[in-house]
Amino acid sequence: HVHMLISFPPRKSAVDVIKALKGRSAFLFLQTHPEIRQKQYWGGHLWSSSYYLGSLGNMSKDVVERYVNDQKYNAYKK
């Protein structure tokens, strides 16, 4: 489960940005940790094919940054 606040140019589609993030991060992670690929965790995939994408809408960037940062601390409390 990952929360990210990212900005990208309007000419880029959100789907393409998500695919690029997932693809590149999976490539780098599995290159660094080949034992994960060898054990065939997650059906050979690092990421699931699903994602949720939301825009800031009428929220300020500060509010969203605070939410994302608070998730780190809430996860440790569980």
Protein backbone atom coordinates (compact mmCIF):
# COMPACT_ATOMS: atom_id res chain seq x y z
CA HIS A 1 0.00 0.00 0.00
CA VAL A 2 1.59 3.24 -1.14
CA HIS A 3 0.55 6.88 -0.84
CA MET A 4 2.21 9.40 -3.15
CA LEU A 5 1.67 13.04 -3.97
CA ILE A 6 2.98 13.65 -7.47
CA SER A 7 2.75 16.36 -10.07
CA PHE A 8 3.00 15.79 -13.80
CA PRO A 9 2.37 17.87 -16.92
CA PRO A 10 -1.22 17.95 -18.21
CA ARG A 11 -0.07 16.46 -21.54
CA LYS A 12 0.72 13.19 -19.71
CA SER A 13 -2.18 10.87 -18.99
CA ALA A 14 -2.57 9.66 -15.41
CA VAL A 15 -2.63 6.04 -16.62
CA ASP A 16 0.70 6.48 -18.41
CA VAL A 17 2.26 8.07 -15.32
CA ILE A 18 1.07 5.22 -13.07
CA LYS A 19 2.29 2.59 -15.54
CA ALA A 20 5.70 4.28 -15.73
CA LEU A 21 6.00 4.52 -11.93
CA LYS A 22 5.00 0.91 -11.38
CA GLY A 23 7.08 -0.42 -14.25
CA ARG A 24 10.29 1.40 -13.42
CA SER A 25 10.06 0.82 -9.66
CA ALA A 26 9.38 -2.89 -10.19
CA PHE A 27 12.31 -3.17 -12.59
CA LEU A 28 14.71 -1.46 -10.17
CA PHE A 29 13.46 -3.36 -7.12
CA LEU A 30 13.62 -6.77 -8.79
CA GLN A 31 17.03 -5.97 -10.25
CA THR A 32 18.26 -5.19 -6.74
CA HIS A 33 16.46 -8.18 -5.16
CA PRO A 34 16.59 -11.04 -7.70
CA GLU A 35 15.64 -13.53 -4.99
CA ILE A 36 12.13 -12.07 -5.01
CA ARG A 37 11.73 -12.75 -8.73
CA GLN A 38 13.16 -16.26 -8.37
CA LYS A 39 10.59 -17.17 -5.73
CA GLN A 40 7.78 -15.94 -8.00
CA TYR A 41 5.99 -13.93 -5.34
CA TRP A 42 2.82 -12.20 -6.45
CA GLY A 43 2.59 -14.26 -9.63
CA GLY A 44 5.84 -12.76 -10.89
CA HIS A 45 4.59 -9.18 -10.49
CA LEU A 46 5.64 -6.64 -7.90
CA TRP A 47 2.53 -4.45 -8.20
CA SER A 48 -1.12 -5.35 -8.61
CA SER A 49 -2.75 -4.07 -11.78
CA SER A 50 -5.12 -1.84 -9.81
CA TYR A 51 -4.59 1.65 -8.45
CA TYR A 52 -6.54 4.60 -7.08
CA LEU A 53 -5.91 8.08 -8.37
CA GLY A 54 -7.39 11.26 -6.97
CA SER A 55 -6.77 14.89 -7.73
CA LEU A 56 -6.34 17.65 -5.20
CA GLY A 57 -9.61 19.21 -6.29
CA ASN A 58 -10.49 21.92 -3.78
CA MET A 59 -7.97 20.70 -1.19
CA SER A 60 -4.68 22.47 -0.75
CA LYS A 61 -1.42 20.71 -1.42
CA ASP A 62 -0.53 21.17 2.28
CA VAL A 63 -3.62 19.25 3.40
CA VAL A 64 -2.79 16.32 1.11
CA GLU A 65 0.89 16.34 2.13
CA ARG A 66 -0.16 16.23 5.78
CA TYR A 67 -2.50 13.29 5.07
CA VAL A 68 0.22 11.33 3.24
CA ASN A 69 2.77 12.03 5.98
CA ASP A 70 0.30 11.07 8.72
CA GLN A 71 -0.17 7.68 7.07
CA LYS A 72 3.42 6.79 7.97
CA TYR A 73 2.79 7.38 11.63
CA ASN A 74 -0.64 5.72 11.70
CA ALA A 75 0.82 2.57 10.14
CA TYR A 76 3.37 2.28 12.95
CA LYS A 77 0.67 2.57 15.63
CA LYS A 78 -1.15 -0.57 14.43
